[in-house]
């Protein structure tokens, strides 16, 4: 499950692993080009994800929709698929 960000601030997605075989709810990574990669493994801890993105200079709007729901038209910009 990948987050959608402004393509100018987002890059290809990667999934980091935590020792013990469990994944965190999310991961935020950046590289020397200032590209930011977000991986969402669980729809949890939106507030902490917002804080992690803000620490990278991104003003995020992290909202997880309920089961069977979707974002309203115009509420998001779809990022290109990883490797595209």
Protein backbone atom coordinates (compact mmCIF):
# COMPACT_ATOMS: atom_id res chain seq x y z
CA UNK A 1 0.00 0.00 0.00
CA UNK A 2 1.80 3.12 -1.16
CA UNK A 3 1.07 6.69 -0.17
CA UNK A 4 0.42 9.28 -2.80
CA UNK A 5 2.57 12.43 -2.58
CA UNK A 6 3.40 15.39 -4.72
CA UNK A 7 5.58 13.81 -7.46
CA UNK A 8 8.10 16.64 -7.02
CA UNK A 9 8.77 15.37 -3.51
CA UNK A 10 8.16 11.66 -3.92
CA UNK A 11 10.27 8.91 -5.46
CA UNK A 12 10.10 5.18 -6.10
CA UNK A 13 8.81 3.17 -3.16
CA UNK A 14 10.82 0.76 -1.03
CA UNK A 15 9.81 -1.44 1.89
CA UNK A 16 12.23 -1.48 4.80
CA UNK A 17 12.18 -4.47 7.15
CA UNK A 18 12.37 -4.33 10.92
CA UNK A 19 14.40 -6.97 12.79
CA UNK A 20 12.13 -9.79 13.89
CA UNK A 21 10.21 -9.88 10.59
CA UNK A 22 7.55 -7.25 11.34
CA UNK A 23 7.03 -4.08 9.35
CA UNK A 24 6.32 -0.70 10.94
CA UNK A 25 3.06 1.06 10.06
CA UNK A 26 5.03 3.31 7.71
CA UNK A 27 8.55 4.28 6.68
CA UNK A 28 9.84 7.65 5.45
CA UNK A 29 13.23 7.78 3.77
CA UNK A 30 15.10 10.45 1.83
CA UNK A 31 18.24 10.51 -0.28
CA UNK A 32 20.89 13.05 -1.22
CA UNK A 33 18.66 14.45 -4.00
CA UNK A 34 16.03 15.27 -1.35
CA UNK A 35 13.59 12.77 -2.87
CA UNK A 36 11.31 11.34 -0.22
CA UNK A 37 10.03 7.78 -0.23
CA UNK A 38 7.00 6.76 1.83
CA UNK A 39 5.90 3.17 2.31
CA UNK A 40 2.68 2.42 4.15
CA UNK A 41 2.39 -1.11 5.53
CA UNK A 42 -0.63 -0.49 7.76
CA UNK A 43 -3.22 2.26 7.82
CA UNK A 44 -2.23 3.33 11.33
CA UNK A 45 -0.46 6.17 13.13
CA UNK A 46 -1.37 8.91 10.64
CA UNK A 47 -0.35 11.63 13.11
CA UNK A 48 3.20 10.27 13.45
CA UNK A 49 3.46 9.93 9.65
CA UNK A 50 2.41 13.57 9.27
CA UNK A 51 5.11 14.55 11.78
CA UNK A 52 7.77 12.49 9.97
CA UNK A 53 6.89 14.14 6.64
CA UNK A 54 6.83 17.61 8.21
CA UNK A 55 10.36 16.95 9.50
CA UNK A 56 11.37 16.48 5.84
CA UNK A 57 9.85 19.84 4.84
CA UNK A 58 6.62 18.41 3.40
CA UNK A 59 3.23 19.76 4.46
CA UNK A 60 1.21 16.54 4.39
CA UNK A 61 -2.45 15.71 4.55
CA UNK A 62 -2.56 12.11 5.73
CA UNK A 63 -6.09 10.75 5.82
CA UNK A 64 -6.93 7.06 5.79
CA UNK A 65 -10.39 6.35 4.41
CA UNK A 66 -12.62 3.72 5.92
CA UNK A 67 -13.20 0.29 4.44
CA UNK A 68 -15.16 0.56 1.20
CA UNK A 69 -14.50 4.31 0.89
CA UNK A 70 -12.28 6.26 -1.51
CA UNK A 71 -10.89 9.77 -1.82
CA UNK A 72 -13.12 12.37 -3.41
CA UNK A 73 -12.24 13.45 -6.93
CA UNK A 74 -9.63 16.20 -6.90
CA UNK A 75 -8.43 15.34 -3.37
CA UNK A 76 -5.19 13.70 -4.50
CA UNK A 77 -2.56 13.64 -7.19
CA UNK A 78 -1.64 10.15 -8.28
CA UNK A 79 2.09 9.49 -8.19
CA UNK A 80 3.72 7.40 -10.93
CA UNK A 81 4.12 3.72 -10.14
CA UNK A 82 7.46 2.62 -8.73
CA UNK A 83 9.93 2.00 -11.54
CA UNK A 84 7.85 3.97 -14.05
